Amino acid sequence: MASLIDQLLLYADIELDFIEHKLYADVSHKDLSALCKLFELIVVRTEPSKTICCVIDSISDFEATWGAEILGVVGHLRRLIDLQRQGPAFKLLMSSANKAHNLVNMVNQSAGEHISLRAGNSPGRATRGLLGGNVQRRRRL
């Protein structure tokens, strides 16, 4: 979360004078809940015309090492997506080459939020044979 905050502050022109002493102390001790709260406060103070894209690659690796803590982080990020609020658009992309065990439950698959490209399939239709079907392969002699 600290890295996400750092990256957001690089591009957002925001004064940090709104941070209360307790939150500042908790953030300085790398309290994960406080870091999530600070990230949210910065997002909602970002210029409304902006779009914030958050990309987390290999999310399942975090699940393996962080355990339940990553569920809390993703929960905070999901809340930023789901909130009906004024402010910047917040987009979240999480990718994983490995199977995520608990994180997949936080994604609304029926709303099309989950796309599996495993084994050449996409939701609802096979892609095998459609992609590259007109590509001629050369034989090696």
N, C-alpha and C. Protein backbone atom coordinates (compact mmCIF):
# COMPACT_ATOMS: atom_id res chain seq x y z
N MET A 1 0.83 -1.19 0.00
CA MET A 1 0.00 0.00 0.00
C MET A 1 0.87 1.26 0.00
N ALA A 2 1.98 1.21 0.70
CA ALA A 2 2.86 2.38 0.74
C ALA A 2 3.34 2.74 -0.66
N SER A 3 3.65 1.73 -1.46
CA SER A 3 4.09 1.97 -2.83
C SER A 3 2.96 2.59 -3.66
N LEU A 4 1.75 2.11 -3.49
CA LEU A 4 0.61 2.69 -4.22
C LEU A 4 0.39 4.15 -3.83
N ILE A 5 0.54 4.44 -2.55
CA ILE A 5 0.41 5.83 -2.07
C ILE A 5 1.50 6.70 -2.69
N ASP A 6 2.72 6.21 -2.67
CA ASP A 6 3.84 6.97 -3.26
C ASP A 6 3.57 7.28 -4.73
N GLN A 7 3.14 6.27 -5.48
CA GLN A 7 2.88 6.47 -6.89
C GLN A 7 1.74 7.45 -7.13
N LEU A 8 0.71 7.37 -6.32
CA LEU A 8 -0.42 8.28 -6.46
C LEU A 8 -0.01 9.72 -6.15
N LEU A 9 0.81 9.89 -5.13
CA LEU A 9 1.26 11.24 -4.77
C LEU A 9 2.17 11.87 -5.82
N LEU A 10 2.85 11.05 -6.60
CA LEU A 10 3.69 11.58 -7.67
C LEU A 10 2.87 12.31 -8.73
N TYR A 11 1.63 11.86 -8.94
CA TYR A 11 0.81 12.41 -10.01
C TYR A 11 -0.36 13.26 -9.54
N ALA A 12 -0.69 13.18 -8.28
CA ALA A 12 -1.80 13.97 -7.75
C ALA A 12 -1.24 15.21 -7.06
N ASP A 13 -1.80 16.34 -7.36
CA ASP A 13 -1.36 17.59 -6.73
C ASP A 13 -2.22 17.82 -5.49
N ILE A 14 -1.80 17.20 -4.39
CA ILE A 14 -2.61 17.21 -3.17
C ILE A 14 -1.74 17.62 -1.99
N GLU A 15 -2.27 18.52 -1.19
CA GLU A 15 -1.63 18.87 0.07
C GLU A 15 -2.02 17.81 1.10
N LEU A 16 -1.09 17.42 1.92
CA LEU A 16 -1.36 16.38 2.90
C LEU A 16 -1.69 16.93 4.29
N ASP A 17 -2.11 18.18 4.34
CA ASP A 17 -2.42 18.79 5.63
C ASP A 17 -3.71 18.26 6.26
N PHE A 18 -4.47 17.45 5.54
CA PHE A 18 -5.70 16.88 6.06
C PHE A 18 -5.45 15.66 6.96
N ILE A 19 -4.22 15.16 6.96
CA ILE A 19 -3.92 13.94 7.72
C ILE A 19 -3.89 14.26 9.22
N GLU A 20 -4.73 13.56 9.95
CA GLU A 20 -4.77 13.74 11.40
C GLU A 20 -3.56 13.07 12.04
N HIS A 21 -3.20 13.53 13.23
CA HIS A 21 -2.01 13.04 13.91
C HIS A 21 -2.04 11.52 14.11
N LYS A 22 -3.18 10.97 14.53
CA LYS A 22 -3.28 9.53 14.77
C LYS A 22 -3.06 8.75 13.49
N LEU A 23 -3.68 9.19 12.39
CA LEU A 23 -3.49 8.52 11.12
C LEU A 23 -2.03 8.60 10.68
N TYR A 24 -1.44 9.78 10.86
CA TYR A 24 -0.02 9.95 10.50
C TYR A 24 0.86 8.99 11.30
N ALA A 25 0.59 8.86 12.59
CA ALA A 25 1.38 7.97 13.44
C ALA A 25 1.21 6.52 13.00
N ASP A 26 -0.03 6.13 12.71
CA ASP A 26 -0.30 4.75 12.28
C ASP A 26 0.36 4.45 10.93
N VAL A 27 0.31 5.41 10.02
CA VAL A 27 0.95 5.24 8.71
C VAL A 27 2.46 5.12 8.88
N SER A 28 3.03 5.92 9.76
CA SER A 28 4.48 5.87 9.96
C SER A 28 4.93 4.53 10.55
N HIS A 29 4.00 3.83 11.22
CA HIS A 29 4.29 2.49 11.75
C HIS A 29 3.87 1.40 10.76
N LYS A 30 3.52 1.82 9.54
CA LYS A 30 3.14 0.91 8.45
C LYS A 30 1.94 0.02 8.81
N ASP A 31 1.00 0.60 9.56
CA ASP A 31 -0.25 -0.09 9.87
C ASP A 31 -1.05 -0.22 8.57
N LEU A 32 -1.36 -1.43 8.17
CA LEU A 32 -1.99 -1.68 6.88
C LEU A 32 -3.35 -1.02 6.75
N SER A 33 -4.14 -1.06 7.78
CA SER A 33 -5.46 -0.42 7.75
C SER A 33 -5.32 1.09 7.58
N ALA A 34 -4.35 1.69 8.26
CA ALA A 34 -4.12 3.13 8.13
C ALA A 34 -3.62 3.48 6.73
N LEU A 35 -2.76 2.64 6.16
CA LEU A 35 -2.28 2.88 4.79
C LEU A 35 -3.44 2.83 3.80
N CYS A 36 -4.34 1.87 3.98
CA CYS A 36 -5.52 1.78 3.11
C CYS A 36 -6.41 3.02 3.26
N LYS A 37 -6.59 3.47 4.48
CA LYS A 37 -7.41 4.67 4.73
C LYS A 37 -6.78 5.90 4.08
N LEU A 38 -5.46 6.04 4.21
CA LEU A 38 -4.77 7.18 3.60
C LEU A 38 -4.89 7.13 2.08
N PHE A 39 -4.73 5.95 1.49
CA PHE A 39 -4.87 5.80 0.05
C PHE A 39 -6.26 6.27 -0.39
N GLU A 40 -7.28 5.84 0.34
CA GLU A 40 -8.65 6.24 0.03
C GLU A 40 -8.83 7.75 0.14
N LEU A 41 -8.29 8.35 1.19
CA LEU A 41 -8.41 9.80 1.37
C LEU A 41 -7.72 10.57 0.24
N ILE A 42 -6.61 10.05 -0.23
CA ILE A 42 -5.91 10.71 -1.35
C ILE A 42 -6.71 10.55 -2.64
N VAL A 43 -7.25 9.36 -2.86
CA VAL A 43 -8.05 9.13 -4.08
C VAL A 43 -9.24 10.09 -4.14
N VAL A 44 -9.98 10.21 -3.06
CA VAL A 44 -11.18 11.06 -3.10
C VAL A 44 -10.84 12.55 -3.18
N ARG A 45 -9.59 12.91 -2.88
CA ARG A 45 -9.16 14.31 -3.00
C ARG A 45 -8.48 14.61 -4.34
N THR A 46 -8.33 13.60 -5.16
CA THR A 46 -7.71 13.78 -6.47
C THR A 46 -8.70 14.49 -7.38
N GLU A 47 -8.19 15.29 -8.29
CA GLU A 47 -9.02 16.05 -9.22
C GLU A 47 -10.06 15.15 -9.88
N PRO A 48 -11.33 15.54 -9.84
CA PRO A 48 -12.41 14.69 -10.35
C PRO A 48 -12.30 14.30 -11.82
N SER A 49 -11.61 15.08 -12.63
CA SER A 49 -11.51 14.76 -14.05
C SER A 49 -10.48 13.67 -14.33
N LYS A 50 -9.71 13.28 -13.33
CA LYS A 50 -8.66 12.28 -13.50
C LYS A 50 -9.22 10.87 -13.44
N THR A 51 -8.50 9.94 -14.01
CA THR A 51 -8.79 8.51 -13.88
C THR A 51 -7.57 7.87 -13.23
N ILE A 52 -7.81 7.14 -12.17
CA ILE A 52 -6.73 6.45 -11.47
C ILE A 52 -6.81 4.97 -11.82
N CYS A 53 -5.74 4.46 -12.42
CA CYS A 53 -5.66 3.05 -12.79
C CYS A 53 -4.69 2.36 -11.84
N CYS A 54 -5.17 1.38 -11.15
CA CYS A 54 -4.36 0.62 -10.20
C CYS A 54 -4.18 -0.78 -10.75
N VAL A 55 -2.94 -1.15 -11.03
CA VAL A 55 -2.63 -2.47 -11.58
C VAL A 55 -1.81 -3.24 -10.57
N ILE A 56 -2.31 -4.40 -10.20
CA ILE A 56 -1.58 -5.27 -9.28
C ILE A 56 -1.36 -6.59 -10.02
N ASP A 57 -0.11 -6.82 -10.39
CA ASP A 57 0.25 -8.03 -11.11
C ASP A 57 0.61 -9.13 -10.12
N SER A 58 0.33 -10.34 -10.49
CA SER A 58 0.65 -11.53 -9.66
C SER A 58 0.01 -11.44 -8.29
N ILE A 59 -1.26 -11.08 -8.26
CA ILE A 59 -1.97 -10.90 -6.99
C ILE A 59 -1.99 -12.17 -6.16
N SER A 60 -1.99 -13.34 -6.80
CA SER A 60 -2.02 -14.59 -6.05
C SER A 60 -0.74 -14.78 -5.23
N ASP A 61 0.37 -14.18 -5.67
CA ASP A 61 1.60 -14.25 -4.89
C ASP A 61 1.43 -13.54 -3.55
N PHE A 62 0.69 -12.42 -3.57
CA PHE A 62 0.42 -11.71 -2.32
C PHE A 62 -0.48 -12.54 -1.42
N GLU A 63 -1.42 -13.24 -2.03
CA GLU A 63 -2.33 -14.09 -1.25
C GLU A 63 -1.54 -15.16 -0.51
N ALA A 64 -0.54 -15.71 -1.17
CA ALA A 64 0.27 -16.77 -0.55
C ALA A 64 1.12 -16.24 0.60
N THR A 65 1.64 -15.01 0.48
CA THR A 65 2.54 -14.49 1.52
C THR A 65 1.83 -13.63 2.57
N TRP A 66 0.79 -12.90 2.17
CA TRP A 66 0.11 -12.01 3.11
C TRP A 66 -1.07 -12.66 3.80
N GLY A 67 -1.60 -13.72 3.25
CA GLY A 67 -2.76 -14.37 3.85
C GLY A 67 -3.98 -13.47 3.84
N ALA A 68 -4.63 -13.37 4.98
CA ALA A 68 -5.89 -12.63 5.08
C ALA A 68 -5.70 -11.12 4.89
N GLU A 69 -4.49 -10.60 5.11
CA GLU A 69 -4.26 -9.16 4.97
C GLU A 69 -4.56 -8.67 3.54
N ILE A 70 -4.24 -9.49 2.55
CA ILE A 70 -4.48 -9.06 1.17
C ILE A 70 -5.98 -8.94 0.90
N LEU A 71 -6.79 -9.75 1.57
CA LEU A 71 -8.24 -9.63 1.42
C LEU A 71 -8.73 -8.28 1.91
N GLY A 72 -8.14 -7.79 2.99
CA GLY A 72 -8.49 -6.47 3.49
C GLY A 72 -8.10 -5.36 2.53
N VAL A 73 -6.90 -5.49 1.95
CA VAL A 73 -6.43 -4.49 0.98
C VAL A 73 -7.35 -4.47 -0.23
N VAL A 74 -7.64 -5.64 -0.78
CA VAL A 74 -8.52 -5.71 -1.95
C VAL A 74 -9.92 -5.23 -1.59
N GLY A 75 -10.36 -5.50 -0.38
CA GLY A 75 -11.66 -4.99 0.08
C GLY A 75 -11.71 -3.46 0.06
N HIS A 76 -10.64 -2.82 0.52
CA HIS A 76 -10.57 -1.35 0.47
C HIS A 76 -10.58 -0.85 -0.97
N LEU A 77 -9.81 -1.50 -1.83
CA LEU A 77 -9.76 -1.08 -3.23
C LEU A 77 -11.11 -1.29 -3.90
N ARG A 78 -11.78 -2.41 -3.60
CA ARG A 78 -13.12 -2.66 -4.15
C ARG A 78 -14.10 -1.57 -3.71
N ARG A 79 -13.98 -1.15 -2.47
CA ARG A 79 -14.88 -0.11 -1.97
C ARG A 79 -14.73 1.17 -2.76
N LEU A 80 -13.51 1.50 -3.16
CA LEU A 80 -13.29 2.70 -3.97
C LEU A 80 -13.98 2.58 -5.33
N ILE A 81 -14.05 1.37 -5.85
CA ILE A 81 -14.74 1.15 -7.13
C ILE A 81 -16.24 1.27 -6.93
N ASP A 82 -16.74 0.66 -5.88
CA ASP A 82 -18.18 0.56 -5.67
C ASP A 82 -18.84 1.82 -5.12
N LEU A 83 -18.05 2.71 -4.51
CA LEU A 83 -18.62 3.92 -3.92
C LEU A 83 -19.24 4.80 -5.01
N GLN A 84 -20.43 5.26 -4.77
CA GLN A 84 -21.04 6.25 -5.63
C GLN A 84 -20.62 7.60 -5.06
N ARG A 85 -19.67 8.23 -5.69
CA ARG A 85 -19.09 9.47 -5.14
C ARG A 85 -18.67 10.39 -6.27
N GLN A 86 -18.50 11.63 -5.92
CA GLN A 86 -17.89 12.59 -6.84
C GLN A 86 -16.40 12.35 -6.76
N GLY A 87 -15.71 12.62 -7.81
CA GLY A 87 -14.26 12.46 -7.78
C GLY A 87 -13.77 11.67 -8.97
N PRO A 88 -12.51 11.29 -8.91
CA PRO A 88 -11.91 10.61 -10.06
C PRO A 88 -12.45 9.19 -10.23
N ALA A 89 -12.40 8.70 -11.45
CA ALA A 89 -12.72 7.30 -11.70
C ALA A 89 -11.58 6.45 -11.17
N PHE A 90 -11.90 5.36 -10.52
CA PHE A 90 -10.90 4.45 -9.99
C PHE A 90 -11.08 3.10 -10.66
N LYS A 91 -10.03 2.64 -11.35
CA LYS A 91 -10.08 1.36 -12.05
C LYS A 91 -9.02 0.44 -11.47
N LEU A 92 -9.41 -0.80 -11.27
CA LEU A 92 -8.52 -1.78 -10.65
C LEU A 92 -8.38 -2.98 -11.58
N LEU A 93 -7.14 -3.33 -11.88
CA LEU A 93 -6.84 -4.53 -12.66
C LEU A 93 -5.90 -5.40 -11.83
N MET A 94 -6.34 -6.61 -11.55
CA MET A 94 -5.51 -7.56 -10.84
C MET A 94 -5.28 -8.74 -11.77
N SER A 95 -4.04 -9.16 -11.89
CA SER A 95 -3.75 -10.30 -12.76
C SER A 95 -3.02 -11.36 -11.96
N SER A 96 -3.14 -12.58 -12.44
CA SER A 96 -2.49 -13.68 -11.76
C SER A 96 -2.27 -14.82 -12.73
N ALA A 97 -1.05 -15.30 -12.77
CA ALA A 97 -0.74 -16.48 -13.59
C ALA A 97 -1.10 -17.75 -12.82
N ASN A 98 -1.22 -17.63 -11.53
CA ASN A 98 -1.55 -18.78 -10.68
C ASN A 98 -2.97 -18.65 -10.16
N LYS A 99 -3.48 -19.73 -9.66
CA LYS A 99 -4.85 -19.73 -9.13
C LYS A 99 -4.91 -18.96 -7.81
N ALA A 100 -5.81 -18.01 -7.74
CA ALA A 100 -6.07 -17.31 -6.48
C ALA A 100 -7.16 -18.08 -5.74
N HIS A 101 -6.95 -18.33 -4.47
CA HIS A 101 -7.89 -19.16 -3.72
C HIS A 101 -9.03 -18.37 -3.10
N ASN A 102 -8.73 -17.30 -2.40
CA ASN A 102 -9.77 -16.53 -1.71
C ASN A 102 -10.11 -15.24 -2.44
N LEU A 103 -9.18 -14.67 -3.16
CA LEU A 103 -9.41 -13.40 -3.85
C LEU A 103 -10.48 -13.52 -4.92
N VAL A 104 -10.59 -14.67 -5.54
CA VAL A 104 -11.58 -14.85 -6.60
C VAL A 104 -13.00 -14.63 -6.06
N ASN A 105 -13.21 -14.86 -4.78
CA ASN A 105 -14.53 -14.65 -4.17
C ASN A 105 -14.88 -13.17 -4.04
N MET A 106 -13.90 -12.29 -4.19
CA MET A 106 -14.14 -10.86 -4.08
C MET A 106 -14.47 -10.22 -5.42
N VAL A 107 -14.48 -11.04 -6.46
CA VAL A 107 -14.74 -10.56 -7.81
C VAL A 107 -16.12 -11.02 -8.23
N ASN A 108 -16.91 -10.11 -8.77
CA ASN A 108 -18.27 -10.43 -9.22
C ASN A 108 -18.19 -11.03 -10.62
N GLN A 109 -18.10 -12.34 -10.67
CA GLN A 109 -17.93 -13.01 -11.96
C GLN A 109 -19.16 -12.87 -12.85
N SER A 110 -20.35 -12.83 -12.26
CA SER A 110 -21.57 -12.72 -13.07
C SER A 110 -21.68 -11.35 -13.73
N ALA A 111 -20.97 -10.35 -13.20
CA ALA A 111 -20.99 -9.01 -13.79
C ALA A 111 -19.86 -8.83 -14.80
N GLY A 112 -19.14 -9.90 -15.09
CA GLY A 112 -18.06 -9.83 -16.07
C GLY A 112 -16.78 -9.25 -15.54
N GLU A 113 -16.60 -9.26 -14.22
CA GLU A 113 -15.38 -8.71 -13.64
C GLU A 113 -14.21 -9.68 -13.68
N HIS A 114 -14.47 -10.91 -14.03
CA HIS A 114 -13.43 -11.94 -14.04
C HIS A 114 -13.31 -12.51 -15.45
N ILE A 115 -12.11 -12.51 -15.96
CA ILE A 115 -11.86 -13.10 -17.27
C ILE A 115 -10.75 -14.11 -17.12
N SER A 116 -11.04 -15.34 -17.49
CA SER A 116 -10.02 -16.39 -17.45
C SER A 116 -9.59 -16.69 -18.87
N LEU A 117 -8.31 -16.61 -19.11
CA LEU A 117 -7.77 -16.92 -20.42
C LEU A 117 -7.06 -18.27 -20.40
N ARG A 118 -7.29 -19.01 -19.35
CA ARG A 118 -6.69 -20.33 -19.20
C ARG A 118 -7.19 -21.25 -20.32
N ALA A 119 -6.31 -21.99 -20.90
CA ALA A 119 -6.61 -23.00 -21.92
C ALA A 119 -7.31 -22.43 -23.14
N GLY A 120 -7.05 -21.16 -23.46
CA GLY A 120 -7.61 -20.58 -24.67
C GLY A 120 -9.08 -20.30 -24.62
N ASN A 121 -9.64 -20.11 -23.43
CA ASN A 121 -11.07 -19.82 -23.31
C ASN A 121 -11.30 -18.42 -22.80
N SER A 122 -12.38 -17.84 -23.21
CA SER A 122 -12.84 -16.58 -22.63
C SER A 122 -14.27 -16.82 -22.20
N PRO A 123 -14.83 -16.01 -21.34
CA PRO A 123 -16.16 -16.28 -20.80
C PRO A 123 -17.20 -16.48 -21.90
N GLY A 124 -17.83 -17.64 -21.89
CA GLY A 124 -18.96 -17.87 -22.76
C GLY A 124 -18.63 -18.40 -24.15
N ARG A 125 -17.37 -18.39 -24.55
CA ARG A 125 -17.08 -18.89 -25.89
C ARG A 125 -15.63 -19.35 -25.97
N ALA A 126 -15.44 -20.37 -26.75
CA ALA A 126 -14.08 -20.89 -26.95
C ALA A 126 -13.34 -19.97 -27.91
N THR A 127 -12.06 -19.75 -27.65
CA THR A 127 -11.25 -18.93 -28.56
C THR A 127 -10.29 -19.79 -29.35
N ARG A 128 -10.15 -21.03 -28.96
CA ARG A 128 -9.24 -21.92 -29.67
C ARG A 128 -9.73 -22.06 -31.11
N GLY A 129 -8.85 -21.85 -32.04
CA GLY A 129 -9.22 -21.92 -33.46
C GLY A 129 -9.64 -20.58 -34.02
N LEU A 130 -10.07 -19.65 -33.18
CA LEU A 130 -10.47 -18.33 -33.65
C LEU A 130 -9.28 -17.39 -33.70
N LEU A 131 -8.41 -17.51 -32.74
CA LEU A 131 -7.24 -16.65 -32.69
C LEU A 131 -6.14 -17.25 -33.53
N GLY A 132 -5.71 -16.54 -34.52
CA GLY A 132 -4.63 -17.02 -35.35
C GLY A 132 -5.03 -18.14 -36.30
N GLY A 133 -6.32 -18.31 -36.52
CA GLY A 133 -6.79 -19.38 -37.37
C GLY A 133 -6.37 -19.22 -38.82
N ASN A 134 -6.11 -17.99 -39.24
CA ASN A 134 -5.70 -17.78 -40.62
C ASN A 134 -4.19 -17.61 -40.77
N VAL A 135 -3.44 -17.97 -39.75
CA VAL A 135 -1.99 -17.86 -39.80
C VAL A 135 -1.43 -19.13 -40.43
N GLN A 136 -0.62 -18.96 -41.45
CA GLN A 136 0.01 -20.08 -42.13
C GLN A 136 1.31 -20.41 -41.39
N ARG A 137 1.51 -21.68 -41.09
CA ARG A 137 2.74 -22.09 -40.42
C ARG A 137 3.68 -22.69 -41.45
N ARG A 138 4.93 -22.35 -41.31
CA ARG A 138 5.94 -22.90 -42.20
C ARG A 138 6.49 -24.19 -41.65
N ARG A 139 6.73 -25.09 -42.53
CA ARG A 139 7.38 -26.32 -42.13
C ARG A 139 8.89 -26.14 -42.22
N ARG A 140 9.55 -26.64 -41.22
CA ARG A 140 11.02 -26.60 -41.26
C ARG A 140 11.53 -27.83 -42.00
N LEU A 141 12.47 -27.61 -42.84
CA LEU A 141 13.06 -28.71 -43.61
C LEU A 141 14.28 -29.26 -42.93
